[in-house]
Protein backbone atom coordinates (compact mmCIF):
# COMPACT_ATOMS: atom_id res chain seq x y z
CA MET A 1 -0.36 0.19 0.50
CA SER A 2 1.26 3.55 -0.98
CA ARG A 3 2.65 6.26 1.82
CA PHE A 4 2.19 9.47 1.07
CA ASP A 5 3.26 12.94 3.26
CA LEU A 6 -0.51 14.26 2.35
CA LEU A 7 -3.19 12.14 0.75
CA LEU A 8 -5.88 14.71 -0.30
CA ARG A 9 -9.48 12.53 -1.19
CA GLY A 10 -12.39 13.41 -2.65
CA GLY A 11 -11.82 16.40 -4.87
CA LEU A 12 -12.49 17.47 -8.20
CA VAL A 13 -8.87 16.95 -9.92
CA ILE A 14 -8.27 19.57 -12.69
CA ASP A 15 -5.14 18.86 -14.18
CA GLY A 16 -3.87 22.15 -15.58
CA THR A 17 -3.91 20.24 -19.23
CA ALA A 18 -5.97 21.22 -22.02
CA SER A 19 -7.13 17.95 -22.45
CA PRO A 20 -11.19 17.09 -22.78
CA ASP A 21 -10.96 15.15 -20.01
CA ALA A 22 -9.07 17.60 -17.82
CA ALA A 23 -11.88 17.86 -14.86
CA ARG A 24 -12.01 14.39 -13.09
CA PRO A 25 -13.06 12.59 -10.01
CA ALA A 26 -9.34 11.80 -8.33
CA ASP A 27 -7.08 11.56 -5.08
CA VAL A 28 -3.89 13.31 -5.33
CA GLY A 29 -1.02 11.97 -2.92
CA VAL A 30 2.09 13.95 -2.22
CA ALA A 31 5.55 12.27 -1.05
CA GLY A 32 9.14 13.74 -1.28
CA GLY A 33 7.21 16.41 -2.77
CA ARG A 34 5.92 14.81 -5.80
CA LEU A 35 2.50 13.94 -7.04
CA THR A 36 0.57 10.99 -7.09
CA LEU A 37 -2.26 10.50 -9.28
CA LEU A 38 -5.24 7.74 -7.58
CA ALA A 39 -8.17 6.91 -8.55
CA PRO A 40 -11.23 7.65 -6.22
CA GLY A 41 -10.80 5.50 -3.20
CA THR A 42 -7.68 4.00 -3.87
CA PRO A 43 -6.39 2.25 -0.43
CA ALA A 44 -3.40 4.09 0.65
CA GLU A 45 -2.25 5.57 4.18
CA ALA A 46 -0.79 9.19 4.38
CA ASP A 47 0.58 10.94 7.25
CA GLU A 48 -1.86 13.98 6.68
CA VAL A 49 -5.53 13.20 5.04
CA ALA A 50 -7.84 16.07 3.61
CA ASP A 51 -11.33 15.25 2.88
CA VAL A 52 -11.63 17.95 -0.21
CA THR A 53 -15.12 16.58 -1.53
CA GLY A 54 -16.72 19.87 -3.11
CA LEU A 55 -13.58 21.01 -3.81
CA ALA A 56 -11.10 21.80 -6.81
CA VAL A 57 -7.74 20.48 -7.17
CA THR A 58 -5.45 22.18 -9.32
CA PRO A 59 -1.91 22.60 -9.41
CA GLY A 60 -0.82 25.95 -8.36
CA PHE A 61 -1.32 29.06 -10.50
CA ILE A 62 1.77 30.82 -12.00
CA ASP A 63 2.23 34.26 -12.14
CA VAL A 64 3.72 35.09 -15.30
CA HIS A 65 4.33 38.37 -14.65
CA THR A 66 5.15 40.53 -11.71
CA HIS A 67 7.75 43.08 -10.46
CA SER A 68 8.28 40.56 -7.35
CA ASP A 69 11.73 41.04 -7.94
CA GLY A 70 12.70 42.38 -4.32
CA VAL A 71 10.15 42.27 -1.87
CA THR A 72 11.47 39.38 -0.04
CA LEU A 73 14.70 41.05 0.48
CA ILE A 74 13.75 44.03 2.24
CA ASP A 75 14.46 43.79 5.50
CA GLY A 76 11.73 43.65 8.66
CA GLU A 77 8.35 43.33 8.90
CA LEU A 78 7.98 45.63 6.36
CA GLY A 79 7.26 44.00 3.00
CA ARG A 80 5.58 40.19 5.28
CA GLU A 81 1.71 41.23 4.11
CA MET A 82 2.83 42.04 0.42
CA VAL A 83 4.75 38.71 0.15
CA LEU A 84 1.83 36.52 1.95
CA ALA A 85 -0.70 38.08 -0.80
CA SER A 86 0.50 36.51 -3.46
CA VAL A 87 0.38 33.26 -1.96
CA LEU A 88 -2.91 33.59 0.01
CA GLN A 89 -4.12 33.65 -3.77
CA GLY A 90 -3.06 30.54 -4.37
CA VAL A 91 0.58 31.90 -6.74
CA THR A 92 3.27 28.76 -6.02
CA THR A 93 5.41 30.06 -8.76
CA GLU A 94 6.25 34.16 -9.45
CA ILE A 95 7.89 34.94 -12.84
CA SER A 96 9.45 38.41 -11.95
CA GLY A 97 11.99 40.38 -14.13
CA ASN A 98 9.25 41.60 -16.32
CA CYS A 99 8.98 45.42 -17.99
CA GLY A 100 13.09 44.96 -18.63
CA SER A 101 13.59 45.24 -14.96
CA SER A 102 15.24 42.54 -13.37
CA LEU A 103 18.01 42.58 -10.20
CA PHE A 104 20.91 41.49 -12.39
CA PRO A 105 22.89 41.53 -14.39
CA ALA A 106 25.38 44.02 -14.36
CA LEU A 107 29.12 44.93 -14.97
CA PRO A 108 30.48 44.87 -11.37
CA GLY A 109 31.38 48.64 -11.75
CA ARG A 110 28.00 49.35 -12.25
CA LEU A 111 26.30 47.14 -9.05
CA ALA A 112 26.47 50.23 -6.60
CA ALA A 113 24.63 52.94 -8.55
CA MET A 114 22.03 50.63 -9.89
CA GLY A 115 21.05 49.12 -6.24
CA ALA A 116 20.79 52.53 -4.69
CA GLU A 117 18.34 53.32 -7.62
CA ASN A 118 16.68 50.31 -7.19
CA ARG A 119 15.05 51.70 -3.81
CA VAL A 120 12.72 53.85 -6.37
CA TYR A 121 11.05 50.77 -8.21
CA PHE A 122 11.36 48.33 -5.70
CA GLY A 123 10.13 49.84 -2.32
CA GLY A 124 13.22 49.41 -0.21
CA ASP A 125 17.12 47.88 -0.45
CA VAL A 126 17.10 44.90 -2.58
CA GLY A 127 20.29 45.25 -3.56
CA MET A 128 21.97 44.60 -7.65
CA TYR A 129 23.36 41.20 -8.89
CA GLU A 130 26.04 40.88 -11.43
CA GLY A 131 24.47 37.16 -12.46
CA PHE A 132 21.41 34.81 -11.85
CA ALA A 133 23.46 32.48 -9.41
CA GLU A 134 24.09 35.66 -7.33
CA PHE A 135 20.31 37.06 -7.52
CA GLY A 136 19.13 32.99 -6.51
CA ALA A 137 21.75 33.38 -3.26
CA ALA A 138 20.15 36.29 -1.72
CA HIS A 139 16.65 34.48 -1.97
CA THR A 140 17.83 31.91 -0.99
CA ALA A 141 19.00 33.23 2.37
CA VAL A 142 15.27 34.55 2.91
CA PRO A 143 13.39 31.69 2.69
CA ARG A 144 10.16 32.19 0.58
CA ALA A 145 6.56 30.69 1.27
CA ASN A 146 6.82 30.35 -3.04
CA HIS A 147 8.84 29.89 -5.98
CA LEU A 148 10.76 32.88 -7.69
CA ALA A 149 11.55 32.66 -11.74
CA SER A 150 13.00 35.71 -13.31
CA LEU A 151 13.84 37.02 -16.77
CA VAL A 152 17.05 39.08 -17.54
CA GLY A 153 15.34 42.88 -18.09
CA HIS A 154 16.54 44.31 -21.22
CA GLY A 155 16.82 48.10 -19.31
CA THR A 156 18.83 45.99 -16.85
CA LEU A 157 21.59 45.09 -19.26
CA ARG A 158 21.39 48.41 -21.04
CA SER A 159 22.03 50.22 -17.41
CA GLY A 160 24.21 47.67 -16.71
CA VAL A 161 26.43 48.20 -18.98
CA MET A 162 25.88 51.63 -20.53
CA GLY A 163 24.23 53.92 -17.64
CA PRO A 164 21.08 55.60 -17.77
CA VAL A 165 21.78 56.99 -21.47
CA ASP A 166 19.71 58.10 -24.62
CA ARG A 167 22.12 56.66 -27.09
CA ALA A 168 22.91 53.60 -29.56
CA ALA A 169 25.07 51.38 -28.14
CA THR A 170 28.35 50.63 -29.62
CA PRO A 171 29.14 47.74 -31.34
CA GLU A 172 31.33 46.73 -28.25
CA GLU A 173 28.76 47.38 -25.43
CA LEU A 174 26.06 45.50 -27.23
CA GLU A 175 28.67 42.64 -27.49
CA THR A 176 29.36 42.53 -23.51
CA MET A 177 25.35 43.24 -23.26
CA CYS A 178 24.77 39.81 -25.33
CA LEU A 179 27.35 37.89 -23.24
CA LEU A 180 26.06 38.83 -19.50
CA LEU A 181 22.45 37.52 -21.33
CA ASP A 182 24.15 34.43 -22.47
CA ARG A 183 25.42 33.81 -18.91
CA ALA A 184 22.14 34.86 -17.57
CA LEU A 185 19.90 32.70 -19.79
CA GLY A 186 22.63 29.65 -19.13
CA ALA A 187 22.45 29.66 -15.77
CA GLY A 188 18.54 29.64 -15.65
CA ALA A 189 17.03 33.36 -16.23
CA ALA A 190 13.55 32.35 -18.28
CA GLY A 191 14.03 34.77 -20.67
CA LEU A 192 14.59 38.10 -21.62
CA SER A 193 12.35 40.95 -20.97
CA THR A 194 11.87 44.42 -22.31
CA GLY A 195 9.88 47.92 -21.41
CA LEU A 196 10.27 49.73 -24.26
CA ILE A 197 8.17 52.61 -22.74
CA TYR A 198 10.57 53.07 -19.93
CA THR A 199 13.72 53.95 -19.63
CA PRO A 200 16.44 53.17 -20.61
CA GLY A 201 14.70 50.75 -22.57
CA THR A 202 12.84 53.65 -24.85
CA TYR A 203 16.46 54.45 -25.54
CA ALA A 204 17.30 51.22 -27.91
CA GLY A 205 15.96 50.53 -31.22
CA THR A 206 14.60 47.93 -33.12
CA ASP A 207 17.58 46.33 -33.70
CA GLU A 208 19.45 46.34 -30.27
CA VAL A 209 16.74 44.50 -29.09
CA VAL A 210 16.67 41.88 -32.32
CA ALA A 211 20.39 41.34 -31.19
CA LEU A 212 19.45 40.55 -27.62
CA ALA A 213 16.32 38.22 -28.49
CA ALA A 214 18.55 36.18 -30.58
CA VAL A 215 20.47 35.31 -27.52
CA ALA A 216 17.06 34.07 -25.98
CA ALA A 217 16.60 31.64 -29.36
CA ARG A 218 19.62 30.09 -29.24
CA TYR A 219 18.00 29.05 -25.46
CA GLY A 220 14.82 28.30 -26.70
CA LYS A 221 13.72 31.40 -23.98
CA PRO A 222 11.04 33.65 -25.01
CA TYR A 223 10.83 37.55 -25.72
CA VAL A 224 8.84 39.25 -23.60
CA THR A 225 8.17 42.27 -23.86
CA HIS A 226 5.96 45.72 -22.76
CA LEU A 227 5.24 47.11 -26.11
CA ARG A 228 6.82 50.30 -26.82
CA ASP A 229 3.26 51.74 -26.94
CA GLU A 230 -0.07 49.99 -25.77
CA MET A 231 -1.86 53.63 -26.64
CA SER A 232 -2.74 55.13 -30.01
CA ARG A 233 0.32 53.27 -31.59
CA VAL A 234 -0.43 50.05 -30.01
CA GLU A 235 -0.71 48.27 -33.75
CA GLU A 236 2.41 49.95 -34.83
CA ALA A 237 4.28 48.94 -31.37
CA LEU A 238 3.10 45.29 -31.90
CA GLU A 239 4.43 44.85 -35.58
CA GLU A 240 7.83 45.84 -33.93
CA ALA A 241 7.36 43.12 -31.37
CA VAL A 242 6.98 41.00 -34.60
CA GLU A 243 9.53 42.01 -36.16
CA ILE A 244 11.88 41.33 -33.39
CA ALA A 245 10.81 37.91 -32.67
CA ALA A 246 10.60 36.94 -36.72
CA ARG A 247 14.22 38.48 -37.32
CA SER A 248 15.65 36.59 -33.88
CA GLY A 249 14.17 33.48 -33.85
CA ALA A 250 12.53 34.05 -30.00
CA PRO A 251 9.19 33.39 -29.33
CA LEU A 252 7.21 36.50 -28.59
CA HIS A 253 5.39 36.95 -25.44
CA VAL A 254 3.40 39.94 -25.21
CA SER A 255 2.91 41.41 -21.91
CA HIS A 256 -0.13 42.46 -20.10
CA HIS A 257 -1.82 42.75 -23.48
CA LYS A 258 -4.25 46.01 -23.30
CA THR A 259 -5.47 48.76 -25.75
CA ALA A 260 -5.42 51.39 -23.31
CA GLY A 261 -6.13 55.17 -23.59
CA LYS A 262 -9.13 56.83 -25.23
CA TYR A 263 -7.72 56.74 -28.81
CA ALA A 264 -6.96 52.61 -28.85
CA TRP A 265 -10.19 51.39 -26.85
CA GLY A 266 -11.63 48.85 -29.04
CA ARG A 267 -8.40 48.12 -30.78
CA THR A 268 -8.22 44.36 -29.41
CA ARG A 269 -10.60 43.98 -32.38
CA ARG A 270 -8.15 44.47 -34.69
CA THR A 271 -4.66 42.94 -32.37
CA LEU A 272 -6.12 40.15 -31.18
CA PRO A 273 -6.97 38.57 -34.76
CA ARG A 274 -3.27 39.74 -35.99
CA ILE A 275 -1.90 37.71 -33.19
CA SER A 276 -4.16 34.88 -34.28
CA THR A 277 -3.51 34.97 -37.86
CA LEU A 278 0.47 34.84 -36.92
CA ARG A 279 -0.26 31.63 -34.68
CA ALA A 280 -2.04 30.37 -37.84
CA GLU A 281 1.21 31.30 -39.92
CA GLY A 282 3.20 29.60 -37.31
CA MET A 283 4.30 32.28 -35.18
CA ASP A 284 5.04 30.97 -31.70
CA VAL A 285 3.13 34.33 -29.90
CA THR A 286 1.31 34.49 -26.39
CA CYS A 287 0.46 37.50 -24.40
CA ASP A 288 -0.84 37.83 -20.80
CA VAL A 289 -3.55 39.83 -18.66
CA TYR A 290 -4.43 40.67 -15.65
CA PRO A 291 -8.41 41.92 -15.38
CA TYR A 292 -8.55 44.94 -14.60
CA THR A 293 -9.17 48.04 -16.34
CA ALA A 294 -6.58 49.89 -14.08
CA GLY A 295 -2.64 49.66 -15.04
CA SER A 296 -0.18 50.74 -11.81
CA THR A 297 3.84 51.75 -12.47
CA ALA A 298 5.84 54.87 -11.66
CA LEU A 299 4.72 58.50 -11.52
CA GLY A 300 8.24 59.11 -13.32
CA ALA A 301 7.20 57.49 -16.61
CA MET A 302 4.00 59.56 -17.35
CA LEU A 303 7.14 62.30 -18.25
CA PRO A 304 8.98 61.92 -21.48
CA PRO A 305 11.77 59.90 -21.74
CA TRP A 306 14.28 62.78 -22.18
CA ALA A 307 13.32 63.61 -18.63
CA SER A 308 15.03 60.17 -17.02
CA GLU A 309 18.47 60.37 -18.79
CA GLY A 310 21.39 60.29 -16.06
CA GLY A 311 18.64 58.43 -13.85
CA ILE A 312 16.80 59.48 -11.13
CA SER A 313 18.78 62.32 -9.46
CA ALA A 314 19.13 63.76 -13.08
CA LEU A 315 15.38 63.32 -12.87
CA THR A 316 14.43 65.38 -9.87
CA ALA A 317 17.42 68.14 -11.07
CA ARG A 318 15.26 68.79 -14.19
CA LEU A 319 11.89 68.93 -11.88
CA ALA A 320 13.53 71.14 -9.70
CA ASP A 321 13.67 73.14 -13.14
CA PRO A 322 10.72 75.10 -13.88
CA GLY A 323 12.38 75.65 -17.61
CA GLN A 324 12.61 72.04 -17.59
CA ARG A 325 9.06 71.67 -16.36
CA ASP A 326 7.65 73.96 -19.11
CA LEU A 327 9.30 71.61 -21.62
CA MET A 328 8.15 68.60 -20.14
CA ARG A 329 4.21 69.71 -20.37
CA LEU A 330 4.90 71.17 -23.42
CA ALA A 331 5.97 67.46 -24.65
CA ILE A 332 3.10 66.03 -22.82
CA ALA A 333 0.12 68.43 -24.63
CA GLU A 334 2.23 68.16 -28.03
CA GLY A 335 3.73 64.67 -28.00
CA VAL A 336 6.96 63.27 -28.41
CA PRO A 337 7.91 60.50 -31.69
CA GLY A 338 8.21 57.16 -30.59
CA TRP A 339 6.77 57.78 -26.56
CA GLU A 340 3.27 56.43 -25.55
CA ASN A 341 2.58 59.89 -23.44
CA THR A 342 -0.10 58.17 -20.90
CA VAL A 343 -1.47 61.36 -20.00
CA GLY A 344 -1.93 62.86 -23.54
CA ASN A 345 -3.59 59.82 -24.33
CA GLY A 346 -6.15 60.17 -21.08
CA GLY A 347 -5.88 62.62 -18.38
CA TRP A 348 -3.98 63.70 -15.42
CA ASP A 349 -7.55 63.10 -13.39
CA ARG A 350 -6.88 59.19 -14.60
CA ILE A 351 -3.45 59.16 -12.54
CA SER A 352 -3.72 58.18 -8.74
CA ILE A 353 -1.13 57.96 -6.13
CA ALA A 354 -0.52 54.30 -4.71
CA CYS A 355 2.39 54.86 -2.55
CA ALA A 356 4.52 57.94 -2.30
CA PRO A 357 6.22 57.06 1.51
CA ARG A 358 6.91 60.33 3.15
CA HIS A 359 3.75 61.86 1.72
CA SER A 360 1.01 59.31 2.53
CA GLU A 361 -1.96 62.15 2.70
CA THR A 362 -1.35 62.12 -1.18
CA GLU A 363 -2.13 58.18 -1.40
CA GLY A 364 -5.81 57.53 -2.76
CA LEU A 365 -5.62 61.06 -4.66
CA THR A 366 -5.91 61.74 -8.46
CA ILE A 367 -2.97 64.24 -9.71
CA ALA A 368 -5.99 66.38 -11.50
CA GLU A 369 -6.95 66.87 -7.21
CA LEU A 370 -4.11 67.25 -5.92
CA ALA A 371 -4.05 70.51 -8.36
CA VAL A 372 -7.12 71.60 -7.76
CA THR A 373 -6.54 71.74 -3.79
CA ARG A 374 -3.16 73.39 -3.82
CA GLY A 375 -4.16 75.49 -7.05
CA GLN A 376 -1.22 74.42 -9.19
CA ASP A 377 -0.55 73.06 -12.71
CA PRO A 378 -1.36 68.90 -12.53
CA LEU A 379 2.44 68.93 -13.83
CA ASP A 380 4.08 71.09 -11.34
CA VAL A 381 2.29 68.86 -8.54
CA ALA A 382 3.79 65.97 -9.90
CA ALA A 383 6.92 67.50 -10.36
CA ALA A 384 7.32 68.24 -6.43
CA LEU A 385 6.05 65.12 -5.39
CA LEU A 386 8.39 63.32 -7.37
CA VAL A 387 10.96 65.64 -6.35
CA ALA A 388 10.02 65.36 -2.78
CA GLU A 389 10.17 61.52 -2.77
CA GLN A 390 13.26 61.25 -4.56
CA GLY A 391 11.25 59.30 -7.68
CA GLU A 392 9.95 57.06 -5.80
CA VAL A 393 6.09 57.50 -5.90
CA THR A 394 3.87 54.76 -7.35
CA ILE A 395 0.71 55.21 -9.95
CA ILE A 396 -2.38 54.19 -10.58
CA SER A 397 -4.37 54.35 -14.02
CA HIS A 398 -7.35 54.39 -14.91
CA SER A 399 -7.03 53.92 -18.71
CA MET A 400 -9.05 50.64 -19.92
CA VAL A 401 -12.39 49.44 -20.66
CA GLU A 402 -13.78 46.30 -19.94
CA ASP A 403 -14.34 45.19 -23.26
CA ASP A 404 -10.91 44.88 -24.34
CA VAL A 405 -10.20 43.25 -20.96
CA ARG A 406 -12.34 40.60 -21.80
CA ARG A 407 -11.46 39.80 -25.68
CA VAL A 408 -7.83 39.09 -24.28
CA LEU A 409 -8.58 37.37 -21.47
CA ALA A 410 -10.97 35.13 -23.56
CA ALA A 411 -7.91 34.80 -26.30
CA PRO A 412 -6.80 31.19 -26.24
CA TYR A 413 -3.42 31.96 -26.64
CA SER A 414 -3.20 34.33 -23.21
CA MET A 415 -2.50 33.67 -20.04
CA VAL A 416 -3.23 34.74 -16.40
CA GLY A 417 -0.76 37.45 -14.79
CA SER A 418 -0.78 40.19 -12.10
CA ASP A 419 1.46 42.68 -12.97
CA GLY A 420 1.75 42.86 -9.46
CA VAL A 421 3.95 45.72 -7.77
CA PRO A 422 4.50 44.56 -4.15
CA LYS A 423 6.64 47.59 -2.86
CA PRO A 424 5.42 47.83 1.17
CA GLY A 425 3.20 50.80 2.29
CA GLY A 426 1.05 52.77 0.18
CA ARG A 427 -2.22 51.77 -1.76
CA PRO A 428 -1.48 49.03 -4.28
CA HIS A 429 -3.11 47.75 -7.05
CA PRO A 430 -5.09 45.27 -5.48
CA ARG A 431 -4.63 42.88 -8.69
CA TRP A 432 -1.51 41.77 -6.40
CA ALA A 433 -3.91 39.66 -4.23
CA GLY A 434 -7.14 39.35 -6.13
CA THR A 435 -6.23 38.32 -10.04
CA PHE A 436 -6.44 34.65 -10.01
CA PRO A 437 -10.09 34.94 -7.45
CA ARG A 438 -11.16 37.13 -9.44
CA VAL A 439 -10.33 35.30 -12.97
CA LEU A 440 -11.94 32.29 -11.36
CA GLY A 441 -15.15 33.89 -9.32
CA HIS A 442 -15.78 37.11 -11.45
CA TYR A 443 -14.99 35.67 -14.77
CA VAL A 444 -15.55 32.06 -14.79
CA ARG A 445 -18.50 31.58 -12.48
CA GLU A 446 -20.56 34.77 -12.44
CA LEU A 447 -20.36 35.71 -16.33
CA GLY A 448 -19.04 32.77 -17.93
CA LEU A 449 -17.11 33.98 -19.89
CA LEU A 450 -14.50 31.11 -19.36
CA SER A 451 -14.75 27.30 -18.22
CA LEU A 452 -13.60 26.49 -15.03
CA GLU A 453 -11.00 23.95 -16.87
CA THR A 454 -9.81 26.53 -19.49
CA ALA A 455 -9.04 29.32 -16.66
CA VAL A 456 -6.77 26.75 -14.68
CA HIS A 457 -5.07 26.00 -18.33
CA LYS A 458 -4.34 29.65 -18.69
CA MET A 459 -3.12 29.30 -14.84
CA THR A 460 -1.08 26.86 -14.79
CA GLY A 461 -0.07 24.36 -17.63
CA MET A 462 -0.05 27.02 -20.44
CA ALA A 463 2.31 29.28 -18.17
CA ALA A 464 4.60 26.63 -17.21
CA ALA A 465 5.35 25.63 -20.95
CA ARG A 466 5.57 28.91 -22.18
CA PHE A 467 8.34 30.14 -19.38
CA GLY A 468 9.80 26.64 -19.29
CA LEU A 469 8.60 25.69 -16.25
CA LYS A 470 9.22 21.93 -16.27
CA GLY A 471 7.07 19.31 -14.08
CA ARG A 472 5.31 22.16 -12.94
CA GLY A 473 1.57 23.21 -14.40
CA VAL A 474 -0.16 20.39 -14.44
CA ILE A 475 -0.98 17.14 -11.11
CA ALA A 476 0.40 14.00 -12.85
CA ASP A 477 2.44 11.55 -11.70
CA GLY A 478 6.14 13.18 -10.81
CA ALA A 479 5.32 16.41 -11.10
CA HIS A 480 6.15 18.76 -9.01
CA ALA A 481 3.63 19.54 -5.82
CA ASP A 482 2.54 22.50 -6.26
CA LEU A 483 -1.19 22.80 -5.53
CA VAL A 484 -4.18 24.94 -4.87
CA VAL A 485 -7.33 23.62 -3.67
CA PHE A 486 -10.61 25.80 -3.66
CA ASP A 487 -14.27 25.44 -3.84
CA PRO A 488 -15.36 26.77 -7.24
CA ALA A 489 -18.84 28.14 -5.56
CA LYS A 490 -16.95 30.75 -3.23
CA ILE A 491 -14.05 31.69 -4.51
CA ALA A 492 -14.13 35.85 -4.84
CA ASP A 493 -11.44 38.63 -5.10
CA HIS A 494 -12.18 41.46 -2.48
CA ALA A 495 -9.12 43.56 -2.69
CA THR A 496 -9.87 47.30 -3.66
CA PHE A 497 -8.47 50.22 -4.32
CA THR A 498 -9.21 51.65 -1.26
CA ASP A 499 -8.38 48.16 0.65
CA PRO A 500 -5.45 46.46 -1.60
CA LEU A 501 -4.44 43.44 0.61
CA LEU A 502 -7.57 42.04 1.74
CA PRO A 503 -7.15 38.25 0.89
CA PRO A 504 -9.69 36.41 -0.96
CA THR A 505 -12.48 33.56 -0.17
CA GLY A 506 -12.67 30.05 -1.00
CA ILE A 507 -9.16 29.00 -0.91
CA GLU A 508 -8.49 26.03 1.40
CA ARG A 509 -5.17 25.06 0.77
CA VAL A 510 -1.80 26.37 -1.20
CA VAL A 511 0.87 23.28 -0.94
CA VAL A 512 4.19 24.41 -2.25
CA ALA A 513 7.50 22.18 -3.05
CA GLY A 514 4.65 19.02 -0.97
CA LEU A 515 4.32 21.80 2.06
CA THR A 516 1.07 23.30 3.01
CA VAL A 517 1.71 27.08 3.11
CA VAL A 518 -1.84 27.52 3.78
CA ARG A 519 -4.53 26.04 5.28
CA ASP A 520 -8.02 27.20 5.52
CA GLY A 521 -7.26 30.80 4.21
CA MET A 522 -4.41 31.03 6.65
CA GLU A 523 -1.16 30.81 6.44
CA THR A 524 1.24 28.76 8.03
CA GLY A 525 4.37 29.92 8.29
CA ALA A 526 5.95 27.34 5.98
CA ARG A 527 8.80 28.68 3.88
CA PRO A 528 10.07 25.64 0.53
CA GLY A 529 9.67 28.50 -1.95
CA ARG A 530 12.94 28.35 -4.02
CA VAL A 531 14.28 30.44 -7.20
CA LEU A 532 13.67 28.32 -9.88
CA ALA A 533 16.40 27.55 -12.82
CA THR A 534 14.64 27.18 -16.71
């Protein structure tokens, strides 16, 4: 008779695959961090037997798009609630390093300067690492509840070799960037990411990205891109991504696909058919999506790219200069070639403050509201806040419409990512605590947009296949024992923009590497997570 550490009896197993029998009654045994699938009622012994009758048993959710690179590295309890929010919603693996920003690699001479600036983007002293191995070692020293994988950020590569400068890379600099990328991918990083609306990534031309994506292609790892424009020029930006994939040979993954801003609403009616056609023609292209009509990023990203050349200190110096602010105001009003211009496509009334550590009274208010209260121009308000916070301001951008979100979520090649920005303090976007229960509760159970099996596949097996997470994302004999047990009739998100870390209901158990890290909606204190090499 088989013996297990944990035996889940009586549940509906949804195995994470896209097969017709992906959902079926079965028992699941866990031993030594691996799974065994059993026919219902198969005799077996276990240290712990859990009756999960009426519940779904699925692979652990894989959050394919996070900015959680450093939150567990922040000293003390400041980030603890933020760290656990992901686990409590059933995420057993987070993929970080997105949008061109990772915590590695860099030349040794650039580490100190980049580590100092990372506080702005990650909310604490998280450091900067020469390579993937050093990044993994830092996380190994601080136990995690769930697993972490990481892409290599193009912006980080660029800054790690060249510094935050607005110019083309020299052949020698590009060769060094390719070498650092090759080392990181060879050590286990999951792919290459770009954030082509963010500095310094936006300073790069298409040819530079093609050269780097070709390195990823040699490893069979994806080129993952925050498009150069998700607003009025989204179709043009998508074509640039397609060109990069075609020329480099890398699989293409479009991050948090959206058509944002009033000039782009509804354009998923054109971008999604284009992606479908590319797939039909043989291109390996996928995307991810979060189930909200608002995004979140740094306030500094609302300014024209030239404003940030030289890094945070250079940006704040320009913001303190009235003449430079006038130039920024003009750029927002008239646009800059190649720049997304979020405010110009929407307005300051759609930009609210999520986190300003030294000015918490601004959190939850829009820049437009603050401008009225202070009797100032909105750009001057934003500038003053960025200077006072030394650049460390996160915002919420209400820029999308629901129909576009639903179309992307329903696309057969889309998967689920929170795009969570877990900086301690403030009012972060509720997606960090609510994305996966929101899909399963609102979009599956309430709206019927997806079947339960399809939604689970998008959160598990599809994600694992895209990012090379072997033995994960499925319930099968010998697979890694990362599991979620939830009630399909009750699962629901509760996080809001006012109270963004409220945990979901309906998630009964989360298992990571064979250990229960959440039981009855509460964390257990187990820390079996590790950094995954792909």
